[in-house]
Each structure stands twice: as structure tokens, then as C-alpha cells.
């Protein structure tokens, strides 16, 4: 049996720890079948840190980051993200918390085809009440940083998969999130573009009061992380650093 969700942690008043997860569990029920995605996963991510979650498909990585981002409910364990347990909030409060706290880069780009890419990237700001013009100005700045300057009025359907991925990353960054969570952000990008985008993502994580968690199989970007956390069968299996990986292959 899985334990009841607990949310009675001592609050983090000065969030040096951006994410603190303890014994997080998740079970998907399909008919008479229970599929266990997380089996007591523990994780601490500090502010100013870039963490990569690695591991085989189906090991629980996407479920874990979706719970951290407040997009998915956990079935057991404890969680704090920047001092808040998103699951303890009402639906409305959790949506507001997510808008001001979390940037999420999905595997599926989730762009709106009837909007320009500048409008797509500006959506988080517009939802927070910023006027459309000001939001699009800031979105254009981010699009330029990810290499899409001059394409701001393009429709997403006129872009390649890699370009659409960069729009999705600009959208995730536009509200200056405290926690940036990315699910395979370089999967649709060539090596050089993926590295450039990940360098931008890592810059966000190194800012005071912020952190980045990236799910990735792309070992070409592992050197940009502070830690590489390997998952297997719904648990944290081992933790490495870029230095330990270099030494292991020396």
C-alpha cells in the first residue's frame, strides 16, 4: 500500500533548497492494473543548481518532474518547491503559483497554431495580467536569444520541429521562473543548437534563487549540469557529477 500524502514539512523560509522531495510515490491505475511510476523517490535541488535526470524510458523521470511542477498529483510522500507544497494548494492557487514560479518545457511543443511565435512565447506573461504588447516585447527578446530573431511574426506551423522547440523554451523562460523544468529539451535540436539552448537554460539555473531540472538522454550536455541524477524503476539509483563522469572515462 502507498502512504497517504503528507505536506507537514517545516516551511523553507529562505529557500536555499529549491526542491525537497521525500518518498514521493505515483501509481497509475488502468482498469484492474496498477502501474507504479515512482517508488519513494527522494531528491533535493539547491538554488543556483542545474540538475539532469537520466535513466531508461519508463523509469519515472517525466512523472517526477510533472509532480514537482505541480502538473500531476503524487500518491505518497512529501514535496516542497520553493517553500510550497503545490498539492496543498487549491486548484486556482496552484495555477497562480505555477505561473509565477515554474517554467516547463514539454516534449510536445504545445504551441497554438493560430498565434505568432511571439504571442506563443508571451502567453505566461499575458496570463499573469501583463498587456499583450509589453508581453510580446519581452517574448521577442527571448526568441532572439534562442536564435529566432526576425521570425517573431511567423506561425508555428511554418517552423521546423527544432525551431518550435526553441519557441517552447522561450515561452518557459519568459516569466523568469524560479524553477525551470525541461523534458528532453534538446531532443529535436542539432548538436550545436542544443548546446546553445542548454547554455541559456543553465544560465537561468545559476541565478540566485533559481534552479533547473532537466530530463535528458543527451550526454553531450551533461557537462553543463552540477549533478546527473540517475533514476531506475521509480527511484533515485545513483548520483554523478561531470567530474566523476570524466574520471570514469579517463
Protein backbone atom coordinates (compact mmCIF):
# COMPACT_ATOMS: atom_id res chain seq x y z
CA UNK A 1 0.00 0.00 0.00
CA UNK A 2 1.12 3.51 -0.68
CA UNK A 3 1.26 6.00 2.13
CA UNK A 4 -1.03 8.96 2.48
CA UNK A 5 0.35 12.16 1.00
CA UNK A 6 1.99 14.27 3.68
CA UNK A 7 2.55 18.02 3.50
CA UNK A 8 3.65 18.89 7.04
CA UNK A 9 7.28 19.74 6.36
CA UNK A 10 8.88 22.65 8.18
CA UNK A 11 8.47 25.56 5.71
CA UNK A 12 11.57 26.77 3.93
CA UNK A 13 11.66 30.44 4.88
CA UNK A 14 14.81 31.21 2.88
CA UNK A 15 14.65 28.67 0.08
CA UNK A 16 18.28 27.64 -0.26
CA UNK A 17 16.72 24.32 -1.16
CA UNK A 18 14.59 24.86 -4.25
CA UNK A 19 13.09 21.36 -4.33
CA UNK A 20 12.86 18.88 -1.50
CA UNK A 21 11.14 15.58 -2.26
CA UNK A 22 10.98 12.70 0.19
CA UNK A 23 9.48 9.29 -0.54
CA UNK A 24 7.42 10.53 -3.48
CA UNK A 25 5.15 7.84 -4.91
CA UNK A 26 2.98 7.70 -8.01
CA UNK A 27 0.69 4.92 -9.27
CA UNK A 28 -1.31 4.98 -12.49
CA UNK A 29 -4.48 2.89 -12.43
CA UNK A 30 -5.76 1.40 -15.67
CA UNK A 31 -8.73 -0.90 -15.17
CA UNK A 32 -7.57 -3.66 -12.85
CA UNK A 33 -3.91 -2.84 -13.42
CA UNK A 34 -1.73 -0.62 -11.28
CA UNK A 35 1.42 0.76 -12.87
CA UNK A 36 3.90 2.04 -10.31
CA UNK A 37 5.83 5.01 -11.70
CA UNK A 38 7.56 6.25 -8.54
CA UNK A 39 8.55 4.09 -5.58
CA UNK A 40 9.66 6.51 -2.90
CA UNK A 41 11.82 8.93 -4.88
CA UNK A 42 13.99 11.33 -2.86
CA UNK A 43 15.58 14.47 -4.27
CA UNK A 44 17.00 17.77 -3.09
CA UNK A 45 17.84 20.51 -5.58
CA UNK A 46 19.55 23.65 -4.30
CA UNK A 47 19.06 27.17 -5.57
CA UNK A 48 21.72 28.01 -8.14
CA UNK A 49 21.90 24.38 -9.27
CA UNK A 50 21.37 22.65 -12.62
CA UNK A 51 20.36 19.01 -12.28
CA UNK A 52 19.91 16.47 -15.06
CA UNK A 53 17.63 13.47 -14.51
CA UNK A 54 18.76 10.48 -16.55
CA UNK A 55 17.63 6.89 -16.82
CA UNK A 56 15.85 4.41 -19.08
CA UNK A 57 12.44 5.11 -20.59
CA UNK A 58 9.65 4.32 -18.16
CA UNK A 59 11.76 4.78 -15.03
CA UNK A 60 9.57 7.64 -13.72
CA UNK A 61 11.50 10.75 -14.80
CA UNK A 62 8.62 12.56 -16.51
CA UNK A 63 6.19 11.66 -13.71
CA UNK A 64 8.64 13.02 -11.15
CA UNK A 65 9.18 16.38 -12.84
CA UNK A 66 5.44 16.73 -13.54
CA UNK A 67 4.76 16.32 -9.81
CA UNK A 68 7.49 18.84 -8.97
CA UNK A 69 5.96 21.31 -11.43
CA UNK A 70 2.50 20.94 -9.90
CA UNK A 71 1.05 19.38 -13.04
CA UNK A 72 0.47 15.93 -11.54
CA UNK A 73 -0.68 14.77 -8.11
CA UNK A 74 1.51 12.42 -6.11
CA UNK A 75 0.10 9.42 -4.24
CA UNK A 76 2.52 9.46 -1.32
CA UNK A 77 5.49 11.20 0.20
CA UNK A 78 6.36 14.83 0.81
CA UNK A 79 7.27 17.68 -1.53
CA UNK A 80 8.24 21.33 -1.24
CA UNK A 81 9.07 23.53 -4.20
CA UNK A 82 10.38 26.97 -3.23
CA UNK A 83 8.78 26.54 0.17
CA UNK A 84 5.36 25.46 -1.12
CA UNK A 85 3.66 22.10 -1.45
CA UNK A 86 1.78 22.60 -4.73
CA UNK A 87 -0.59 19.76 -3.93
CA UNK A 88 -1.71 21.50 -0.73
CA UNK A 89 -2.95 24.50 -2.74
CA UNK A 90 -6.40 24.89 -4.22
CA UNK A 91 -6.68 24.42 -7.98
CA UNK A 92 -6.84 28.19 -8.53
CA UNK A 93 -3.95 28.91 -6.16
CA UNK A 94 -1.85 26.15 -7.70
CA UNK A 95 -2.37 27.58 -11.18
CA UNK A 96 -1.30 31.02 -9.98
CA UNK A 97 1.71 29.52 -8.15
CA UNK A 98 2.77 27.64 -11.27
CA UNK A 99 2.51 30.75 -13.45
CA UNK A 100 4.77 32.79 -11.19
CA UNK A 101 7.15 30.01 -10.09
CA UNK A 102 7.57 27.32 -12.75
CA UNK A 103 8.65 27.24 -16.37
CA UNK A 104 8.03 23.89 -18.10
CA UNK A 105 9.39 22.70 -21.44
CA UNK A 106 7.30 19.78 -22.64
CA UNK A 107 8.36 17.02 -25.03
CA UNK A 108 5.36 18.04 -27.12
CA UNK A 109 5.73 21.70 -28.01
CA UNK A 110 2.06 22.61 -27.28
CA UNK A 111 2.18 25.75 -29.43
CA UNK A 112 -1.03 27.42 -30.60
CA UNK A 113 -1.03 27.44 -34.43
CA UNK A 114 -3.30 30.49 -34.75
CA UNK A 115 -0.87 32.70 -32.81
CA UNK A 116 2.51 34.06 -33.90
CA UNK A 117 5.53 32.59 -32.17
CA UNK A 118 5.98 35.88 -30.27
CA UNK A 119 2.41 35.58 -28.96
CA UNK A 120 3.01 31.93 -28.08
CA UNK A 121 6.12 32.81 -26.12
CA UNK A 122 4.29 35.66 -24.37
CA UNK A 123 1.40 33.52 -23.07
CA UNK A 124 2.69 33.08 -19.47
CA UNK A 125 3.03 36.86 -19.09
CA UNK A 126 -0.40 37.56 -20.60
CA UNK A 127 -1.97 35.01 -18.24
CA UNK A 128 -0.38 36.88 -15.34
CA UNK A 129 -2.04 40.12 -16.44
CA UNK A 130 0.67 41.84 -18.49
CA UNK A 131 -0.67 43.69 -21.51
CA UNK A 132 -0.14 41.87 -24.80
CA UNK A 133 2.17 44.48 -26.31
CA UNK A 134 4.59 44.52 -23.37
CA UNK A 135 4.48 40.73 -23.10
CA UNK A 136 5.35 40.33 -26.78
CA UNK A 137 8.27 42.76 -26.44
CA UNK A 138 9.78 40.58 -23.72
CA UNK A 139 8.98 37.42 -25.70
CA UNK A 140 10.84 38.79 -28.73
CA UNK A 141 13.92 39.30 -26.55
CA UNK A 142 13.84 35.62 -25.56
CA UNK A 143 13.21 34.48 -29.14
CA UNK A 144 16.29 36.41 -30.20
CA UNK A 145 18.32 34.66 -27.50
CA UNK A 146 17.29 31.23 -28.80
CA UNK A 147 18.17 32.16 -32.38
CA UNK A 148 14.75 33.10 -33.75
CA UNK A 149 15.21 36.85 -34.10
CA UNK A 150 13.41 38.13 -37.18
CA UNK A 151 10.88 35.28 -37.14
CA UNK A 152 8.69 36.67 -34.38
CA UNK A 153 5.56 37.01 -36.54
CA UNK A 154 5.86 33.52 -38.03
CA UNK A 155 3.22 30.91 -37.38
CA UNK A 156 4.47 27.81 -35.54
CA UNK A 157 3.35 25.62 -38.45
CA UNK A 158 5.92 27.34 -40.69
CA UNK A 159 8.79 26.34 -38.41
CA UNK A 160 10.79 23.13 -38.20
CA UNK A 161 10.49 20.89 -35.18
CA UNK A 162 13.73 22.25 -33.78
CA UNK A 163 12.58 25.83 -34.20
CA UNK A 164 9.27 25.04 -32.50
CA UNK A 165 11.22 23.54 -29.61
CA UNK A 166 13.13 26.81 -29.26
CA UNK A 167 9.83 28.73 -29.12
CA UNK A 168 8.70 26.40 -26.34
CA UNK A 169 11.92 27.10 -24.44
CA UNK A 170 11.49 30.87 -24.87
CA UNK A 171 7.93 30.54 -23.53
CA UNK A 172 9.22 28.65 -20.48
CA UNK A 173 11.83 31.33 -19.77
CA UNK A 174 9.75 34.44 -20.44
CA UNK A 175 8.33 34.81 -16.90
CA UNK A 176 11.79 34.41 -15.29
CA UNK A 177 10.74 31.23 -13.45
CA UNK A 178 12.28 30.27 -10.13
CA UNK A 179 12.16 26.62 -11.18
CA UNK A 180 12.71 25.64 -14.80
CA UNK A 181 11.73 22.05 -15.61
CA UNK A 182 12.60 20.64 -19.03
CA UNK A 183 11.60 17.28 -20.53
CA UNK A 184 14.14 16.34 -23.23
CA UNK A 185 14.67 19.96 -24.36
CA UNK A 186 17.36 19.08 -26.94
CA UNK A 187 15.61 16.07 -28.50
CA UNK A 188 14.53 17.98 -31.63
CA UNK A 189 17.70 20.07 -31.93
CA UNK A 190 21.00 19.50 -33.69
CA UNK A 191 24.10 19.29 -31.52
CA UNK A 192 25.23 22.91 -31.86
CA UNK A 193 21.76 24.39 -31.33
CA UNK A 194 21.03 22.04 -28.44
CA UNK A 195 24.23 23.09 -26.72
CA UNK A 196 23.47 26.78 -27.21
CA UNK A 197 19.95 26.38 -25.83
CA UNK A 198 21.18 24.36 -22.86
CA UNK A 199 23.78 27.01 -22.08
CA UNK A 200 20.94 29.55 -21.90
CA UNK A 201 18.92 27.18 -19.68
CA UNK A 202 21.94 26.65 -17.41
CA UNK A 203 22.37 30.42 -17.02
CA UNK A 204 18.86 30.54 -15.57
CA UNK A 205 19.69 27.82 -13.06
CA UNK A 206 22.80 29.60 -11.86
CA UNK A 207 20.92 32.80 -10.97
CA UNK A 208 20.26 33.46 -7.26
CA UNK A 209 17.01 31.94 -6.06
CA UNK A 210 16.52 29.76 -9.13
CA UNK A 211 17.14 26.16 -10.17
CA UNK A 212 16.83 23.95 -13.24
CA UNK A 213 15.83 20.29 -13.57
CA UNK A 214 16.31 18.71 -16.99
CA UNK A 215 15.28 15.24 -18.13
CA UNK A 216 17.70 14.20 -20.84
CA UNK A 217 19.37 11.23 -22.50
CA UNK A 218 21.76 13.60 -24.30
CA UNK A 219 25.16 13.05 -22.68
CA UNK A 220 26.59 15.89 -24.79
CA UNK A 221 25.02 18.36 -22.34
CA UNK A 222 25.92 16.58 -19.11
CA UNK A 223 28.94 18.83 -18.56
CA UNK A 224 26.57 21.78 -18.09
CA UNK A 225 24.97 20.19 -15.01
CA UNK A 226 26.09 20.32 -11.42
CA UNK A 227 24.78 16.80 -10.86
CA UNK A 228 23.49 13.98 -13.03
CA UNK A 229 20.88 12.02 -11.11
CA UNK A 230 20.18 8.56 -12.50
CA UNK A 231 16.75 7.02 -11.95
CA UNK A 232 15.73 3.40 -12.30
CA UNK A 233 12.46 1.65 -11.52
CA UNK A 234 10.88 4.72 -9.93
CA UNK A 235 13.75 5.52 -7.55
CA UNK A 236 16.95 7.53 -7.50
CA UNK A 237 19.63 4.99 -8.39
CA UNK A 238 22.89 6.97 -8.20
CA UNK A 239 24.25 10.49 -8.44
CA UNK A 240 27.24 11.61 -10.51
CA UNK A 241 28.96 14.87 -11.34
CA UNK A 242 30.55 15.90 -14.65
CA UNK A 243 33.95 15.47 -12.96
CA UNK A 244 33.20 11.92 -11.83
CA UNK A 245 31.97 11.04 -15.32
CA UNK A 246 35.19 12.40 -16.86
CA UNK A 247 37.29 10.43 -14.39
CA UNK A 248 35.33 7.24 -15.11
CA UNK A 249 36.07 7.58 -18.83
CA UNK A 250 39.68 8.71 -18.45
